[in-house]
Protein backbone atom coordinates (compact mmCIF):
# COMPACT_ATOMS: atom_id res chain seq x y z
CA MET A 1 -106.99 12.93 -36.12
CA LYS A 2 -104.67 9.63 -36.01
CA ILE A 3 -103.14 8.24 -39.55
CA ASP A 4 -103.37 4.61 -39.60
CA LEU A 5 -99.89 3.79 -40.74
CA THR A 6 -101.34 0.19 -40.50
CA LEU A 7 -101.32 -2.17 -43.49
CA HIS A 8 -103.22 -4.92 -44.01
CA GLN A 9 -101.63 -8.31 -45.10
CA ASN A 10 -103.58 -8.37 -48.72
CA GLN A 11 -103.45 -4.92 -49.29
CA LYS A 12 -100.41 -4.16 -51.49
CA PRO A 13 -98.95 -0.31 -50.21
CA GLN A 14 -99.71 2.25 -53.06
CA PRO A 15 -96.49 4.04 -54.18
CA ASN A 16 -96.43 7.32 -53.33
CA LYS A 17 -97.11 9.36 -57.10
CA GLU A 18 -94.91 12.47 -56.68
CA ILE A 19 -91.97 9.84 -55.74
CA GLN A 20 -92.66 8.28 -58.75
CA ARG A 21 -92.14 11.61 -60.48
CA ASN A 22 -89.33 12.42 -58.83
CA THR A 23 -87.34 9.12 -59.28
CA ARG A 24 -88.13 9.55 -62.91
CA ASN A 25 -86.65 12.75 -63.27
CA THR A 26 -83.97 11.54 -60.97
CA SER A 27 -83.35 8.85 -63.39
CA THR A 28 -83.49 10.85 -66.45
CA PHE A 29 -81.15 13.70 -65.27
CA TYR A 30 -77.89 10.77 -64.91
CA GLN A 31 -78.79 9.65 -68.29
CA LEU A 32 -78.57 12.88 -69.98
CA LEU A 33 -75.61 13.74 -67.79
CA PRO A 34 -72.83 11.95 -70.14
CA THR A 35 -74.72 14.12 -72.89
CA PHE A 36 -74.16 17.21 -71.17
CA TYR A 37 -70.44 16.23 -70.32
CA GLN A 38 -69.89 15.98 -74.53
CA LEU A 39 -71.78 19.02 -75.14
CA SER A 40 -69.27 21.03 -72.59
CA ILE A 41 -66.51 19.38 -74.38
CA LEU A 42 -67.44 20.58 -77.57
CA SER A 43 -68.16 23.83 -76.54
CA LEU A 44 -64.67 24.18 -74.89
CA SER A 45 -63.37 23.05 -78.09
CA ALA A 46 -65.19 25.74 -80.49
CA THR A 47 -64.34 28.69 -78.48
CA GLN A 48 -61.76 30.36 -80.06
CA SER A 49 -58.19 30.22 -78.59
CA VAL A 50 -56.08 33.24 -77.86
CA ALA A 51 -52.51 33.17 -78.13
CA PRO A 52 -50.46 34.87 -74.84
CA VAL A 53 -49.19 38.50 -75.54
CA VAL A 54 -45.37 37.88 -75.88
CA ALA A 55 -43.04 41.01 -75.84
CA PRO A 56 -40.95 41.39 -78.83
CA VAL A 57 -37.17 40.58 -78.80
CA PRO A 58 -34.91 43.60 -78.94
CA VAL A 59 -33.00 43.60 -81.87
CA VAL A 60 -29.01 44.14 -80.24
CA ALA A 61 -26.23 45.58 -82.60
CA PRO A 62 -23.64 43.24 -83.24
CA ALA A 63 -20.61 44.20 -81.22
CA PRO A 64 -18.46 46.28 -83.15
CA VAL A 65 -15.04 44.56 -84.42
CA VAL A 66 -11.88 46.02 -81.83
CA ALA A 67 -8.84 45.24 -83.54
CA PRO A 68 -6.09 43.52 -81.36
CA ALA A 69 -3.88 46.29 -79.43
CA PRO A 70 -0.27 46.39 -81.46
CA ALA A 71 2.15 44.62 -79.90
CA MET A 72 4.27 46.87 -77.68
CA ASP A 73 8.13 46.23 -78.18
CA SER A 74 10.19 44.86 -75.02
CA PRO A 75 10.92 47.86 -73.23
CA LYS A 76 14.52 49.24 -73.67
CA THR A 77 16.77 48.31 -70.40
CA LEU A 78 19.77 49.74 -68.88
CA THR A 79 22.22 47.32 -66.57
CA GLY A 80 25.43 47.97 -64.68
CA THR A 81 27.13 47.06 -60.75
CA LEU A 82 26.90 48.70 -57.93
CA ASN A 83 29.57 49.54 -55.34
CA VAL A 84 27.66 47.10 -52.76
CA PRO A 85 29.37 43.76 -51.89
CA ASN A 86 26.89 40.97 -52.64
CA GLU A 87 27.15 40.13 -48.40
CA ASN A 88 24.61 43.28 -48.57
CA PHE A 89 22.11 42.35 -50.97
CA GLY A 90 19.10 41.59 -48.15
CA LYS A 91 20.00 45.35 -46.54
CA PHE A 92 20.36 47.19 -49.82
CA ILE A 93 16.99 46.21 -51.06
CA GLY A 94 15.41 46.52 -47.63
CA LYS A 95 12.46 43.41 -46.38
CA GLY A 96 9.93 43.49 -49.55
CA GLY A 97 12.32 45.80 -51.62
CA SER A 98 11.08 48.70 -49.14
CA ASN A 99 14.34 50.64 -49.91
CA LEU A 100 14.06 49.89 -53.41
CA LYS A 101 10.69 51.63 -53.50
CA LYS A 102 11.44 54.32 -51.08
CA TYR A 103 14.46 55.26 -52.78
CA VAL A 104 14.53 54.11 -56.14
CA THR A 105 11.23 53.36 -57.95
CA GLY A 106 8.48 55.29 -56.62
CA LYS A 107 10.68 58.86 -56.04
CA SER A 108 11.61 57.73 -60.17
CA ALA A 109 8.30 57.04 -60.98
CA PHE A 110 7.42 60.50 -59.78
CA GLN A 111 10.18 62.54 -62.08
CA VAL A 112 9.97 60.44 -64.85
CA SER A 113 6.02 61.65 -64.95
CA LYS A 114 7.02 65.23 -63.97
CA GLU A 115 9.90 65.32 -66.70
CA TYR A 116 7.49 64.06 -69.31
CA ALA A 117 5.39 66.24 -68.65
CA LYS A 118 7.67 69.42 -69.06
CA ASN A 119 9.37 67.87 -72.47
CA PHE A 120 5.28 67.11 -73.37
CA GLN A 121 4.88 71.08 -72.84
CA LYS A 122 8.00 72.48 -74.46
CA ASP A 123 7.79 70.60 -77.65
CA SER A 124 3.90 71.34 -77.93
CA GLU A 125 5.11 74.78 -77.53
CA LEU A 126 7.60 74.51 -80.17
CA LEU A 127 5.44 72.88 -82.57
CA THR A 128 2.65 75.67 -82.26
CA ALA A 129 5.06 78.43 -83.18
CA ARG A 130 6.22 76.52 -86.09
CA ASN A 131 2.74 75.48 -86.99
CA VAL A 132 4.21 72.45 -87.98
CA ILE A 133 2.15 68.92 -87.20
CA ASP A 134 5.03 65.79 -87.53
CA GLU A 135 4.65 62.30 -86.27
CA THR A 136 6.27 62.50 -83.31
CA SER A 137 4.12 64.80 -81.59
CA LYS A 138 0.83 63.01 -83.25
CA THR A 139 1.99 60.01 -81.32
CA MET A 140 2.97 62.15 -78.03
CA THR A 141 0.40 61.28 -75.37
CA VAL A 142 -1.36 63.74 -73.07
CA PRO A 143 0.21 63.44 -69.49
CA SER A 144 -2.58 63.24 -67.83
CA GLU A 145 -3.86 60.73 -70.29
CA LEU A 146 -0.12 59.07 -69.96
CA GLY A 147 -1.62 56.19 -67.08
CA SER A 148 0.58 54.31 -64.81
CA ILE A 149 4.33 54.25 -64.87
CA LEU A 150 6.45 51.10 -63.61
CA ILE A 151 9.89 51.42 -63.06
CA HIS A 152 11.35 47.55 -62.95
CA VAL A 153 14.56 47.09 -61.16
CA LYS A 154 15.92 43.56 -60.82
CA MET A 155 18.88 43.06 -58.63
CA ASP A 156 21.50 40.16 -58.98
CA LYS A 157 24.86 39.59 -57.40
CA GLY A 158 27.55 39.68 -59.77
CA ASP A 159 31.16 38.47 -59.22
CA GLU A 160 31.67 40.26 -56.11
CA ASN A 161 29.28 43.37 -56.17
CA LEU A 162 25.64 43.84 -56.70
CA THR A 163 24.28 44.25 -60.44
CA TYR A 164 21.52 45.95 -61.87
CA LYS A 165 18.72 45.90 -64.79
CA ILE A 166 16.17 48.56 -64.97
CA SER A 167 13.45 49.28 -67.45
CA ILE A 168 10.49 51.78 -67.21
CA ILE A 169 7.00 50.12 -68.66
CA ASN A 170 4.24 52.18 -69.66
CA LYS A 171 1.70 51.31 -72.07
CA ASN A 172 0.99 54.43 -74.23
CA GLN A 173 4.85 55.89 -74.44
CA ASP A 174 8.40 54.76 -74.54
CA LEU A 175 9.92 56.30 -71.62
CA SER A 176 13.09 54.29 -72.17
CA LYS A 177 15.18 58.10 -72.40
CA TYR A 178 14.75 58.52 -68.58
CA LEU A 179 16.43 55.51 -67.44
CA GLY A 180 18.96 58.04 -66.71
CA ILE A 181 16.54 59.17 -63.82
CA VAL A 182 16.17 55.77 -62.42
CA LYS A 183 20.10 55.09 -62.36
CA ASN A 184 20.88 58.09 -60.71
CA ASN A 185 18.43 57.68 -57.89
CA LEU A 186 20.03 53.62 -57.76
CA VAL A 187 23.65 54.83 -57.55
CA LYS A 188 22.51 57.47 -55.18
CA HIS A 189 21.00 54.77 -52.93
CA ALA A 190 24.09 52.96 -53.13
CA ALA A 191 26.24 55.90 -51.96
CA ASN A 192 24.26 56.90 -49.19
CA PHE A 193 24.25 52.82 -48.16
CA SER A 194 27.66 52.47 -48.49
CA LYS A 195 28.57 55.71 -46.32
CA GLU A 196 28.62 54.17 -42.32
CA LYS A 197 26.03 55.71 -40.38
CA LEU A 198 26.63 58.67 -37.82
CA PRO A 199 24.72 57.86 -34.58
CA GLU A 200 21.92 60.68 -34.63
CA ASP A 201 21.19 58.89 -37.88
CA LYS A 202 20.24 55.53 -36.55
CA PHE A 203 16.82 56.93 -34.75
CA SER A 204 13.39 56.91 -36.43
CA HIS A 205 13.10 60.86 -35.40
CA LYS A 206 15.91 63.24 -35.89
CA ILE A 207 15.45 66.93 -34.34
CA VAL A 208 17.59 69.52 -34.92
CA PHE A 209 18.36 72.94 -33.15
CA ALA A 210 20.32 75.84 -34.30
CA THR A 211 22.06 78.76 -32.31
CA SER A 212 25.28 80.30 -32.02
CA ILE A 213 28.41 80.14 -29.88
CA GLU A 214 31.06 82.67 -28.78
CA TYR A 215 33.75 79.83 -29.68
CA GLU A 216 34.85 76.21 -30.54
CA GLY A 217 35.42 75.39 -26.69
CA LEU A 218 32.13 75.99 -25.71
CA ILE A 219 31.02 72.64 -27.39
CA GLY A 220 33.10 70.80 -24.84
CA LYS A 221 31.50 72.51 -22.14
CA PHE A 222 28.25 71.56 -23.50
CA ILE A 223 29.15 68.06 -23.58
CA GLY A 224 31.19 68.14 -19.99
CA GLY A 225 33.95 66.28 -18.42
CA GLY A 226 33.43 62.92 -19.71
CA GLY A 227 30.12 63.73 -21.14
CA LYS A 228 28.38 64.62 -17.73
CA ASN A 229 26.65 67.28 -19.35
CA ILE A 230 25.31 65.70 -21.76
CA LYS A 231 23.95 62.14 -19.73
CA ILE A 232 21.95 64.61 -17.91
CA LEU A 233 20.53 66.63 -20.30
CA SER A 234 19.54 62.79 -21.93
CA SER A 235 18.35 61.60 -18.98
CA LYS A 236 15.82 64.82 -18.76
CA VAL A 237 14.98 64.00 -22.57
CA LYS A 238 14.10 60.20 -21.44
CA ASP A 239 11.81 61.06 -18.73
CA VAL A 240 9.88 63.33 -20.44
CA PHE A 241 9.22 60.99 -23.86
CA ASP A 242 9.32 57.56 -21.50
CA LEU A 243 12.13 56.40 -23.81
CA PRO A 244 14.88 53.77 -23.05
CA PHE A 245 17.47 55.78 -25.27
CA CYS A 246 18.01 59.26 -26.49
CA PHE A 247 21.55 60.57 -28.22
CA ILE A 248 22.08 64.19 -28.41
CA SER A 249 24.81 66.13 -29.57
CA MET A 250 26.04 69.60 -30.70
CA LYS A 251 28.58 70.21 -33.49
CA ILE A 252 29.28 73.03 -35.85
CA GLN A 253 27.06 73.32 -38.85
CA GLU A 254 27.25 71.36 -41.62
CA ASP A 255 25.05 69.33 -44.44
CA MET A 256 23.66 66.62 -42.95
CA ALA A 257 23.56 62.85 -44.22
CA ARG A 258 20.06 62.88 -43.23
CA LYS A 259 17.55 65.45 -43.40
CA SER A 260 15.87 66.69 -39.98
CA TRP A 261 12.18 65.94 -39.40
CA GLU A 262 9.72 67.42 -41.32
CA ASN A 263 13.00 68.89 -42.93
CA LYS A 264 13.10 71.82 -40.42
CA VAL A 265 15.58 73.16 -38.48
CA ILE A 266 14.80 74.96 -34.90
CA ARG A 267 16.31 78.55 -34.63
CA LEU A 268 17.21 79.05 -30.61
CA PRO A 269 17.98 82.81 -29.47
CA SER A 270 21.49 83.94 -28.65
CA ALA A 271 23.39 86.74 -28.06
CA SER A 272 26.50 85.49 -30.25
CA SER A 273 26.76 85.36 -33.76
CA LYS A 274 30.37 84.21 -34.41
CA ILE A 275 30.08 80.25 -34.68
CA GLU A 276 27.01 78.66 -35.97
CA VAL A 277 26.05 75.28 -34.47
CA HIS A 278 23.32 72.57 -34.20
CA VAL A 279 22.08 70.50 -30.91
CA ILE A 280 20.54 67.37 -32.70
CA VAL A 281 18.51 65.17 -30.60
CA SER A 282 18.09 61.57 -31.92
CA MET A 283 15.07 59.22 -30.37
CA ASN A 284 12.49 56.52 -31.30
CA LEU A 285 9.19 57.98 -30.78
CA PRO A 286 5.80 56.42 -31.82
CA ARG A 287 4.81 56.73 -35.60
CA ASP A 288 1.80 58.42 -35.13
CA SER A 289 3.75 61.27 -33.02
CA LEU A 290 2.94 64.74 -34.17
CA PHE A 291 5.71 66.90 -34.64
CA GLY A 292 4.29 70.04 -33.14
CA ASP A 293 2.98 68.31 -29.33
CA VAL A 294 7.09 66.45 -29.37
CA LEU A 295 8.24 70.51 -29.79
CA LYS A 296 6.36 71.76 -27.30
CA LYS A 297 8.10 69.50 -24.37
CA LEU A 298 11.42 69.43 -26.19
CA THR A 299 12.32 73.08 -26.68
CA PRO A 300 12.42 74.14 -23.46
CA ILE A 301 14.55 71.55 -22.33
CA ILE A 302 17.42 72.16 -24.99
CA SER A 303 16.64 76.13 -24.66
CA GLU A 304 17.55 75.85 -21.13
CA SER A 305 21.16 73.85 -21.54
CA VAL A 306 21.66 76.19 -24.41
CA LYS A 307 21.59 79.71 -22.50
CA LYS A 308 24.00 78.22 -20.22
CA LEU A 309 26.67 78.56 -22.71
CA SER A 310 26.15 82.45 -22.85
CA ALA A 311 26.69 83.25 -19.24
CA PRO A 312 30.26 84.15 -18.67
CA PRO A 313 32.32 82.32 -16.47
CA PRO A 314 31.69 82.86 -12.33
CA HIS A 315 35.65 83.70 -12.15
CA GLN A 316 36.88 85.10 -15.45
CA ASN A 317 39.92 87.48 -14.91
CA LYS A 318 40.72 90.17 -17.81
CA VAL A 319 44.21 89.67 -19.02
CA SER A 320 46.78 92.25 -18.65
CA GLU A 321 50.39 93.08 -19.97
CA ILE A 322 53.34 93.55 -17.33
CA SER A 323 56.88 95.19 -17.89
CA ALA A 324 59.57 92.56 -18.66
CA SER A 325 61.99 95.01 -16.97
CA ASP A 326 60.53 94.45 -13.73
CA PHE A 327 62.19 91.12 -13.99
CA LEU A 328 65.36 92.08 -15.68
CA ALA A 329 66.96 94.03 -12.74
CA VAL A 330 67.54 90.76 -10.74
CA THR A 331 70.31 88.37 -12.66
CA ASP A 332 72.41 85.49 -11.39
CA TRP A 333 75.60 87.62 -11.82
CA GLY A 334 75.20 89.10 -8.29
CA ASP A 335 74.06 92.10 -6.69
CA ASN A 336 73.09 95.67 -8.79
CA SER A 337 76.27 96.65 -7.37
CA ASP A 338 78.33 94.67 -9.81
CA CYS A 339 75.68 95.54 -12.80
CA TYR A 340 77.38 97.67 -15.24
CA ASP A 341 75.90 101.54 -14.96
CA PRO A 342 76.45 103.55 -17.98
CA ASN A 343 76.28 106.86 -15.96
CA ASP A 344 78.46 105.67 -13.06
CA GLY A 345 81.95 106.96 -13.63
CA GLU A 346 84.41 105.97 -16.31
CA SER A 347 84.37 102.49 -17.58
CA PRO A 348 86.41 99.69 -16.02
CA THR A 349 87.65 98.50 -19.80
CA TYR A 350 87.74 100.91 -22.02
CA THR A 351 87.97 105.20 -22.19
CA PRO A 352 87.74 107.22 -25.01
CA ASN A 353 89.15 110.41 -26.70
CA GLY A 354 92.38 108.86 -26.52
CA ALA A 355 93.47 107.82 -22.99
CA GLU A 356 95.11 104.53 -22.75
CA SER A 357 93.14 101.76 -21.65
CA PRO A 358 94.15 99.85 -18.48
CA THR A 359 94.02 96.84 -20.02
CA TYR A 360 95.98 97.51 -23.21
CA THR A 361 99.52 98.71 -23.93
CA PRO A 362 100.58 99.42 -27.66
CA ASP A 363 104.27 98.25 -28.54
CA PRO A 364 106.57 100.42 -29.93
CA ASP A 365 107.85 98.53 -32.86
CA PRO A 366 105.67 96.10 -34.20
CA SER A 367 107.35 94.58 -36.63
CA PRO A 368 108.39 91.22 -36.03
CA TRP A 369 112.03 91.46 -37.57
């Protein structure tokens, strides 16, 4: 089937009714669109709005009013002068105050804490026994709650010697009654500082052996002529521990200015018990050296050197007595025939029993007139 799509000149195209209908509907839609938009806006504005749910703010109680801590009185101090010249200021306190920390402040803080606990216990027992609570007991702090104890030592240069000013600071208690402890430690440090150090005390590690010897002269034998034996012994110790220096000595037992390593003395066996001596070995060992490991290497060397002292000398002669008469038979007067023999005839100079002496004739008339 053919469809004629040609239009005649005088023939007007007839509009399609379906298209006209759709066009009319479309035009009507666009005309009504603003109305729909306005209705939508009205619908949204008419909708009930819902407020967001917000968690209630917690009620915070006001901070309690804390009364300011009562201002503590300035700590009591103790001052004085030490028998240490001003030029020794740096050596006395040590680098960064290390000597004061080691011998005075740290030591004193421990002693004060211990003494306070002791006094607290004693006072508590006394008050409990009396069933009395006084104002002092109410203000005393339990030792476990005492807190830190600050020992303050201020050193200055005086006219000639060093001066000190010490105090004890604690936020809970007045500990000025214990200032004497700090002073005693400071004075003791000054006394030890003023002493000339013995050679064995100039090393970091001091090891002491104890033994016995038969007589004091064996100390010289241990040292040897010109220190020969000590030098040999020191060389052995230096080789074992790979050290450049070592000091070894033997001396009669006495109080040591500086205690031995670990505060221990190693006893060596000995057959004698007459004279007690110390064999002191001083070395600069590494800081991480262990006491037991060092002794395992050192003890056999020292023990061997001490054993040699107990052995008897190879050519020891026993002392015996001889009679002096062996030497009295010979004199400077001559031979034996010229000596006086009381059992050989009469005496040439004296005859007893009334016989006249050949060397003396009495005078018949003794009167000088």
